Amino acid sequence: MAGPSRADNSLLGRWWWSVDRWTLMAIFALIGLGYVMMLAASPAVAERIHESRDAFILKQVLFLTIAAALVFALSLLSARGVRRLSFAIFGIALVLTLATLFIGASIKGATRWIALPGFSLQPSEFLKPCFAVVTAYLLAQWQRNGSTRDAMIAVGLYLVIATLLKSQPDIGMLAVVTAVFLVQFFLAGLDWRLFVVGIGCALLGGVGAYAFLPHFRYRLDSFLDPTKGDHYQIDRSLEAFGNGGLLGRGPGEGMVKDHLPDAHADFVFAVMGEEFGLILCTVLVLIFGFIVLRGLARLLAEGDQFVVLAASGLVSSFGLQAFINMGSSTGLLPTKGMTLPFVSYGGSSAMAVALGMGMLLALTRRGGAGELI
């Protein structure tokens, strides 16, 4: 890939030769697919709710343009800059997530959004990447100083977030945050017996959610027993994949977007399967897998514990979110309202994922993440 000369000592030149350009290309490929899928999926959804055909497209073009700019700008940061930014955004997002319980807009039984003019903000989306970085810093301090105080602060922050997400409720996001939190503790050197206890507590939390949250119990029962519940959405989704076959029916020729209310968001993968077929869906899965594996591979020679933990948390969160969305669309997991990173419609999701990926690129630059700003 052409770029500035290696002798170029400017900010851009140094960034170009230190950033992981393969991951950068993969991220921008996902953003490009996001543009394509909004053109394919959103007009039918907009017409069904009596909006302009271009309503979602225009908004998402803006969101993805901002997301692309964020990825680039954040990738210029140093490790210290990533840490400071994460602490600041984490504090703001935590306060706003708490505020949703009092002033949030309720949609489909969940109170996760703050209504703004022309836009609904979901603050908890920004908690995911920032909490991964904050936790990484606290665990790195724990390893460096040998004091359990920092680890206990991390656990306390997790419990606060878990309480807020359960109250909204947003069990899917809570599951992702919990999984990433356990992964980071494991990588930080937590005794394997305590790690097993942590997994046991997470499983007990799932049992509690099943016992006390009717919507969670309904979704799980519907998933485990095909004779129970409403399977309309997943049936249409699986039908779409079947109709698409290997090469798809062609752009704009799909039918599933005319029937699913969230075809442009939660089930955009089904729209892709019907219109573009198995081949493009496989390419998409490979792009996500490449970003995750490439991000982890860049850490193999990394000596900074904070960078290892933060980048591992960011890439794990990214991969889990994609897995849950695609697993829900294909019937491998219970249906869950979680977006496909950069591909599904959603301003909060696009910008929060861009925040995480920009910080990942900053932390995994060769030559040290502290060389730029």
Protein backbone atom coordinates (compact mmCIF):
# COMPACT_ATOMS: atom_id res chain seq x y z
CA MET A 1 0.00 0.00 0.00
CA ALA A 2 1.43 3.35 -1.03
CA GLY A 3 1.98 5.96 1.63
CA PRO A 4 4.39 8.55 2.96
CA SER A 5 8.12 7.91 2.68
CA ARG A 6 9.80 6.22 5.65
CA ALA A 7 11.97 9.33 5.88
CA ASP A 8 8.85 11.42 6.50
CA ASN A 9 9.05 12.42 10.17
CA SER A 10 5.75 14.26 10.23
CA LEU A 11 2.86 13.16 12.46
CA LEU A 12 1.09 11.51 9.53
CA GLY A 13 4.25 9.86 8.29
CA ARG A 14 5.11 8.35 11.67
CA TRP A 15 1.50 7.23 12.12
CA TRP A 16 1.42 5.55 8.71
CA TRP A 17 4.49 3.40 9.34
CA SER A 18 3.46 2.41 12.88
CA VAL A 19 -0.28 1.73 12.54
CA ASP A 20 -1.58 -1.73 11.58
CA ARG A 21 -2.65 -0.94 8.04
CA TRP A 22 -4.24 -4.36 7.48
CA THR A 23 -6.60 -3.91 10.42
CA LEU A 24 -7.28 -0.36 9.29
CA MET A 25 -8.26 -1.62 5.82
CA ALA A 26 -10.50 -4.30 7.34
CA ILE A 27 -12.28 -1.72 9.49
CA PHE A 28 -12.88 0.56 6.51
CA ALA A 29 -14.13 -2.46 4.54
CA LEU A 30 -16.77 -2.99 7.24
CA ILE A 31 -17.72 0.68 7.07
CA GLY A 32 -18.07 0.34 3.29
CA LEU A 33 -20.32 -2.69 3.74
CA GLY A 34 -22.34 -0.64 6.21
CA TYR A 35 -23.06 1.90 3.48
CA VAL A 36 -24.08 -0.85 1.06
CA MET A 37 -26.38 -2.60 3.53
CA MET A 38 -28.15 0.62 4.48
CA LEU A 39 -28.93 1.16 0.78
CA ALA A 40 -30.24 -2.41 0.61
CA ALA A 41 -32.17 -2.75 3.87
CA SER A 42 -33.36 0.61 5.13
CA PRO A 43 -35.69 2.03 2.41
CA ALA A 44 -38.30 -0.71 2.92
CA VAL A 45 -38.19 -0.26 6.70
CA ALA A 46 -38.52 3.53 6.34
CA GLU A 47 -41.55 3.22 4.07
CA ARG A 48 -43.23 0.79 6.45
CA ILE A 49 -43.10 3.35 9.26
CA HIS A 50 -44.13 6.17 6.90
CA GLU A 51 -40.74 7.88 6.75
CA SER A 52 -38.85 9.09 3.70
CA ARG A 53 -37.10 6.23 1.87
CA ASP A 54 -33.78 7.97 2.45
CA ALA A 55 -34.35 8.78 6.14
CA PHE A 56 -32.17 5.99 7.56
CA ILE A 57 -29.64 6.16 4.72
CA LEU A 58 -28.86 9.83 5.22
CA LYS A 59 -28.50 9.43 8.97
CA GLN A 60 -26.28 6.38 8.68
CA VAL A 61 -24.06 8.03 6.07
CA LEU A 62 -23.46 10.78 8.61
CA PHE A 63 -22.90 8.29 11.45
CA LEU A 64 -20.44 6.17 9.45
CA THR A 65 -18.57 9.24 8.19
CA ILE A 66 -18.13 10.39 11.80
CA ALA A 67 -17.13 6.84 12.75
CA ALA A 68 -14.44 6.71 10.05
CA ALA A 69 -13.06 10.07 11.20
CA LEU A 70 -13.05 8.83 14.81
CA VAL A 71 -11.13 5.68 13.91
CA PHE A 72 -8.43 7.75 12.24
CA ALA A 73 -8.25 10.49 14.88
CA LEU A 74 -8.17 8.08 17.83
CA SER A 75 -5.52 5.89 16.21
CA LEU A 76 -3.15 8.85 16.57
CA LEU A 77 -3.33 8.73 20.37
CA SER A 78 -0.62 7.47 22.67
CA ALA A 79 -1.33 4.79 25.29
CA ARG A 80 -1.57 7.59 27.87
CA GLY A 81 -3.98 9.50 25.62
CA VAL A 82 -6.14 6.39 25.22
CA ARG A 83 -6.23 5.93 28.98
CA ARG A 84 -7.15 9.54 29.72
CA LEU A 85 -9.84 9.65 27.05
CA SER A 86 -11.34 6.38 28.28
CA PHE A 87 -11.55 7.58 31.88
CA ALA A 88 -13.27 10.79 30.78
CA ILE A 89 -15.81 9.12 28.47
CA PHE A 90 -16.39 6.31 30.96
CA GLY A 91 -17.39 8.80 33.68
CA ILE A 92 -19.75 10.67 31.35
CA ALA A 93 -21.28 7.47 29.94
CA LEU A 94 -21.79 6.04 33.43
CA VAL A 95 -23.71 9.14 34.56
CA LEU A 96 -25.81 9.18 31.38
CA THR A 97 -26.55 5.45 31.66
CA LEU A 98 -27.82 6.07 35.18
CA ALA A 99 -29.88 8.97 33.83
CA THR A 100 -31.67 6.69 31.35
CA LEU A 101 -33.42 5.02 34.28
CA PHE A 102 -35.09 8.36 35.08
CA ILE A 103 -35.33 10.31 31.83
CA GLY A 104 -34.71 7.61 29.23
CA ALA A 105 -37.01 6.78 26.35
CA SER A 106 -38.64 3.35 26.64
CA ILE A 107 -38.55 1.28 23.44
CA LYS A 108 -39.86 -2.30 23.32
CA GLY A 109 -39.86 -2.56 27.10
CA ALA A 110 -36.27 -1.37 27.57
CA THR A 111 -35.08 2.02 28.82
CA ARG A 112 -31.66 2.44 27.26
CA TRP A 113 -31.87 5.64 25.24
CA ILE A 114 -31.87 9.39 25.83
CA ALA A 115 -33.95 11.16 23.20
CA LEU A 116 -32.17 14.01 21.42
CA PRO A 117 -33.38 16.07 18.45
CA GLY A 118 -33.28 13.69 15.47
CA PHE A 119 -31.21 11.14 17.35
CA SER A 120 -31.46 8.70 20.27
CA LEU A 121 -28.28 8.27 22.32
CA GLN A 122 -27.54 4.94 24.00
CA PRO A 123 -24.89 5.81 26.61
CA SER A 124 -24.25 2.21 27.62
CA GLU A 125 -22.73 1.54 24.17
CA PHE A 126 -19.83 3.82 25.13
CA LEU A 127 -19.35 2.04 28.45
CA LYS A 128 -18.19 -1.15 26.73
CA PRO A 129 -14.93 0.04 25.14
CA CYS A 130 -14.11 2.55 27.87
CA PHE A 131 -14.71 0.09 30.70
CA ALA A 132 -12.34 -2.37 28.98
CA VAL A 133 -9.58 0.26 29.03
CA VAL A 134 -10.33 1.42 32.59
CA THR A 135 -10.30 -2.18 33.80
CA ALA A 136 -7.03 -2.81 31.97
CA TYR A 137 -5.39 0.14 33.74
CA LEU A 138 -6.61 -0.98 37.17
CA LEU A 139 -5.53 -4.59 36.63
CA ALA A 140 -2.14 -3.50 35.31
CA GLN A 141 -1.71 -1.40 38.46
CA TRP A 142 -2.71 -4.41 40.53
CA GLN A 143 -0.04 -6.53 38.82
CA ARG A 144 2.58 -3.77 39.14
CA ASN A 145 1.98 -2.85 42.79
CA GLY A 146 0.75 -6.15 44.20
CA SER A 147 -2.11 -4.39 46.01
CA THR A 148 -5.63 -5.75 45.66
CA ARG A 149 -7.14 -2.26 46.00
CA ASP A 150 -7.08 -1.58 42.26
CA ALA A 151 -8.56 -5.00 41.49
CA MET A 152 -11.35 -4.37 44.00
CA ILE A 153 -12.09 -1.00 42.38
CA ALA A 154 -12.41 -2.77 39.02
CA VAL A 155 -14.81 -5.30 40.55
CA GLY A 156 -16.81 -2.49 42.15
CA LEU A 157 -17.12 -0.63 38.85
CA TYR A 158 -18.24 -3.84 37.15
CA LEU A 159 -20.94 -4.38 39.78
CA VAL A 160 -22.21 -0.83 39.26
CA ILE A 161 -22.37 -1.34 35.50
CA ALA A 162 -24.01 -4.74 35.90
CA THR A 163 -26.69 -3.22 38.14
CA LEU A 164 -27.41 -0.45 35.62
CA LEU A 165 -27.58 -2.81 32.64
CA LYS A 166 -29.83 -5.22 34.52
CA SER A 167 -32.14 -2.34 35.42
CA GLN A 168 -32.57 -1.12 31.84
CA PRO A 169 -32.67 -4.14 31.11
CA ASP A 170 -29.93 -5.05 28.61
CA ILE A 171 -28.87 -8.62 29.36
CA GLY A 172 -27.03 -9.05 26.06
CA MET A 173 -24.71 -6.15 26.71
CA LEU A 174 -24.28 -7.30 30.30
CA ALA A 175 -23.19 -10.71 29.00
CA VAL A 176 -20.59 -9.10 26.71
CA VAL A 177 -19.25 -6.83 29.47
CA THR A 178 -19.06 -9.78 31.88
CA ALA A 179 -17.25 -12.02 29.39
CA VAL A 180 -14.69 -9.32 28.55
CA PHE A 181 -14.19 -8.54 32.24
CA LEU A 182 -13.47 -12.22 33.00
CA VAL A 183 -11.10 -12.48 30.03
CA GLN A 184 -9.12 -9.48 31.25
CA PHE A 185 -8.92 -10.82 34.81
CA PHE A 186 -7.71 -14.17 33.45
CA LEU A 187 -5.02 -12.51 31.32
CA ALA A 188 -3.97 -10.39 34.31
CA GLY A 189 -3.00 -13.55 36.18
CA LEU A 190 -6.05 -14.22 38.34
CA ASP A 191 -5.77 -17.55 40.15
CA TRP A 192 -7.59 -20.15 38.04
CA ARG A 193 -9.74 -21.17 41.01
CA LEU A 194 -10.99 -17.63 41.43
CA PHE A 195 -11.54 -17.49 37.67
CA VAL A 196 -13.75 -20.60 37.92
CA VAL A 197 -15.63 -18.94 40.79
CA GLY A 198 -16.15 -15.90 38.56
CA ILE A 199 -17.59 -18.05 35.79
CA GLY A 200 -19.82 -19.75 38.35
CA CYS A 201 -21.11 -16.37 39.55
CA ALA A 202 -21.82 -15.38 35.94
CA LEU A 203 -23.81 -18.59 35.44
CA LEU A 204 -25.71 -17.95 38.67
CA GLY A 205 -26.46 -14.47 37.35
CA GLY A 206 -27.91 -16.08 34.22
CA VAL A 207 -30.08 -18.35 36.37
CA GLY A 208 -31.25 -15.32 38.33
CA ALA A 209 -32.09 -13.46 35.12
CA TYR A 210 -34.11 -16.46 33.96
CA ALA A 211 -35.96 -16.60 37.27
CA PHE A 212 -36.75 -12.90 37.70
CA LEU A 213 -36.77 -11.32 34.23
CA PRO A 214 -39.83 -12.49 32.25
CA HIS A 215 -38.57 -11.22 28.87
CA PHE A 216 -35.26 -13.08 29.30
CA ARG A 217 -37.07 -16.26 30.31
CA TYR A 218 -39.42 -15.93 27.32
CA ARG A 219 -36.57 -15.55 24.83
CA LEU A 220 -34.59 -18.45 26.26
CA ASP A 221 -37.65 -20.74 26.40
CA SER A 222 -38.51 -19.82 22.81
CA PHE A 223 -34.97 -20.61 21.72
CA LEU A 224 -34.80 -23.96 23.52
CA ASP A 225 -38.33 -25.12 22.64
CA PRO A 226 -39.52 -24.46 19.05
CA THR A 227 -43.12 -25.07 20.13
CA LYS A 228 -43.08 -22.09 22.48
CA GLY A 229 -43.14 -18.36 21.80
CA ASP A 230 -43.18 -16.32 18.62
CA HIS A 231 -40.58 -17.46 16.08
CA TYR A 232 -41.68 -15.14 13.29
CA GLN A 233 -38.50 -13.09 13.11
CA ILE A 234 -36.03 -15.96 13.22
CA ASP A 235 -38.15 -18.01 10.79
CA ARG A 236 -38.12 -15.14 8.29
CA SER A 237 -34.39 -14.68 8.84
CA LEU A 238 -33.59 -18.34 8.17
CA GLU A 239 -35.89 -18.27 5.16
CA ALA A 240 -33.93 -15.30 3.82
CA PHE A 241 -30.63 -17.19 4.05
CA GLY A 242 -32.24 -20.10 2.23
CA ASN A 243 -33.56 -17.84 -0.51
CA GLY A 244 -30.17 -16.21 -0.97
CA GLY A 245 -28.28 -19.41 -1.60
CA LEU A 246 -24.69 -19.12 -2.75
CA LEU A 247 -24.76 -15.86 -4.72
CA GLY A 248 -27.94 -14.16 -3.46
CA ARG A 249 -31.00 -12.88 -5.27
CA GLY A 250 -29.28 -9.61 -6.18
CA PRO A 251 -29.16 -6.09 -4.70
CA GLY A 252 -32.64 -4.83 -3.88
CA GLU A 253 -34.30 -8.16 -4.71
CA GLY A 254 -34.64 -9.46 -1.17
CA MET A 255 -38.02 -9.86 0.55
CA VAL A 256 -37.10 -10.23 4.22
CA LYS A 257 -36.65 -6.47 4.65
CA ASP A 258 -40.34 -6.03 3.81
CA HIS A 259 -41.37 -8.19 6.77
CA LEU A 260 -38.87 -7.70 9.60
CA PRO A 261 -39.18 -4.45 11.60
CA ASP A 262 -35.44 -4.44 12.41
CA ALA A 263 -34.13 -5.61 9.04
CA HIS A 264 -31.77 -2.63 8.90
CA ALA A 265 -30.45 -3.19 12.42
CA ASP A 266 -30.63 -6.49 14.31
CA PHE A 267 -31.28 -8.61 11.19
CA VAL A 268 -29.13 -6.85 8.60
CA PHE A 269 -27.10 -10.07 8.29
CA ALA A 270 -30.23 -11.84 7.03
CA VAL A 271 -30.74 -9.13 4.40
CA MET A 272 -27.14 -9.62 3.31
CA GLY A 273 -27.65 -13.38 3.11
CA GLU A 274 -30.74 -13.06 0.93
CA GLU A 275 -29.50 -10.38 -1.46
CA PHE A 276 -25.77 -11.18 -1.66
CA GLY A 277 -25.64 -14.84 -0.69
CA LEU A 278 -23.37 -17.15 1.26
CA ILE A 279 -20.16 -15.90 -0.35
CA LEU A 280 -20.44 -12.30 0.89
CA CYS A 281 -21.67 -13.47 4.31
CA THR A 282 -18.58 -15.67 4.56
CA VAL A 283 -16.37 -12.74 3.54
CA LEU A 284 -17.97 -10.65 6.29
CA VAL A 285 -17.36 -13.36 8.90
CA LEU A 286 -13.73 -13.62 7.75
CA ILE A 287 -13.26 -9.85 8.07
CA PHE A 288 -14.50 -9.91 11.66
CA GLY A 289 -12.34 -12.95 12.43
CA PHE A 290 -9.32 -11.29 10.83
CA ILE A 291 -9.68 -8.13 12.94
CA VAL A 292 -9.94 -10.17 16.15
CA LEU A 293 -7.04 -12.52 15.39
CA ARG A 294 -4.86 -9.76 13.97
CA GLY A 295 -5.45 -7.62 17.04
CA LEU A 296 -4.47 -10.48 19.36
CA ALA A 297 -1.44 -11.39 17.24
CA ARG A 298 -0.12 -7.82 17.49
CA LEU A 299 0.04 -8.29 21.27
CA LEU A 300 2.27 -11.36 21.29
CA ALA A 301 5.46 -9.32 21.54
CA GLU A 302 3.95 -6.50 23.62
CA GLY A 303 5.62 -5.93 26.98
CA ASP A 304 3.25 -3.32 28.42
CA GLN A 305 0.65 -5.10 30.56
CA PHE A 306 -1.83 -2.24 30.23
CA VAL A 307 -1.66 -2.36 26.43
CA VAL A 308 -2.12 -6.15 26.40
CA LEU A 309 -5.14 -6.05 28.70
CA ALA A 310 -6.78 -3.03 27.09
CA ALA A 311 -6.36 -4.23 23.50
CA SER A 312 -7.49 -7.75 24.44
CA GLY A 313 -10.62 -6.33 26.05
CA LEU A 314 -11.40 -4.09 23.08
CA VAL A 315 -10.98 -6.79 20.46
CA SER A 316 -12.87 -9.38 22.56
CA SER A 317 -15.83 -7.01 22.95
CA PHE A 318 -15.82 -6.32 19.21
CA GLY A 319 -15.74 -10.00 18.31
CA LEU A 320 -18.39 -11.02 20.83
CA GLN A 321 -20.78 -8.32 19.61
CA ALA A 322 -20.44 -9.52 16.01
CA PHE A 323 -20.82 -13.16 17.08
CA ILE A 324 -24.00 -12.47 19.06
CA ASN A 325 -25.62 -10.54 16.19
CA MET A 326 -24.79 -13.15 13.55
CA GLY A 327 -25.62 -16.01 15.91
CA SER A 328 -29.04 -14.50 16.61
CA SER A 329 -29.78 -14.04 12.89
CA THR A 330 -28.89 -17.65 12.08
CA GLY A 331 -30.73 -19.23 15.02
CA LEU A 332 -27.56 -20.29 16.84
CA LEU A 333 -28.33 -17.98 19.79
CA PRO A 334 -31.52 -16.52 21.28
CA THR A 335 -32.62 -13.36 19.50
CA LYS A 336 -30.98 -10.27 20.98
CA GLY A 337 -31.14 -6.64 19.97
CA MET A 338 -27.43 -6.17 19.37
CA THR A 339 -26.04 -4.46 16.30
CA LEU A 340 -23.52 -5.85 13.84
CA PRO A 341 -20.49 -3.53 14.21
CA PHE A 342 -20.37 -0.85 11.47
CA VAL A 343 -22.91 -2.77 9.35
CA SER A 344 -26.18 -2.36 11.27
CA TYR A 345 -28.03 0.93 11.51
CA GLY A 346 -27.35 2.88 14.69
CA GLY A 347 -25.50 6.07 15.52
CA SER A 348 -24.54 5.20 19.09
CA SER A 349 -23.31 1.77 18.03
CA ALA A 350 -21.29 3.05 15.05
CA MET A 351 -19.54 5.73 17.08
CA ALA A 352 -18.94 3.50 20.11
CA VAL A 353 -17.44 0.76 17.94
CA ALA A 354 -15.31 3.40 16.19
CA LEU A 355 -14.13 4.55 19.61
CA GLY A 356 -13.05 1.02 20.47
CA MET A 357 -11.39 0.29 17.13
CA GLY A 358 -9.58 3.64 17.05
CA MET A 359 -8.18 2.94 20.51
CA LEU A 360 -7.22 -0.59 19.43
CA LEU A 361 -5.25 0.79 16.47
CA ALA A 362 -3.54 3.29 18.76
CA LEU A 363 -2.55 0.63 21.28
CA THR A 364 -1.26 -1.86 18.70
CA ARG A 365 0.97 0.49 16.71
CA ARG A 366 4.48 -0.84 16.18
CA GLY A 367 7.29 1.23 17.62
CA GLY A 368 5.32 2.07 20.75
CA ALA A 369 1.90 3.58 21.31
CA GLY A 370 3.42 6.63 22.91
CA GLU A 371 5.22 8.08 19.93
CA LEU A 372 2.51 10.36 18.58
CA ILE A 373 0.01 12.31 20.70
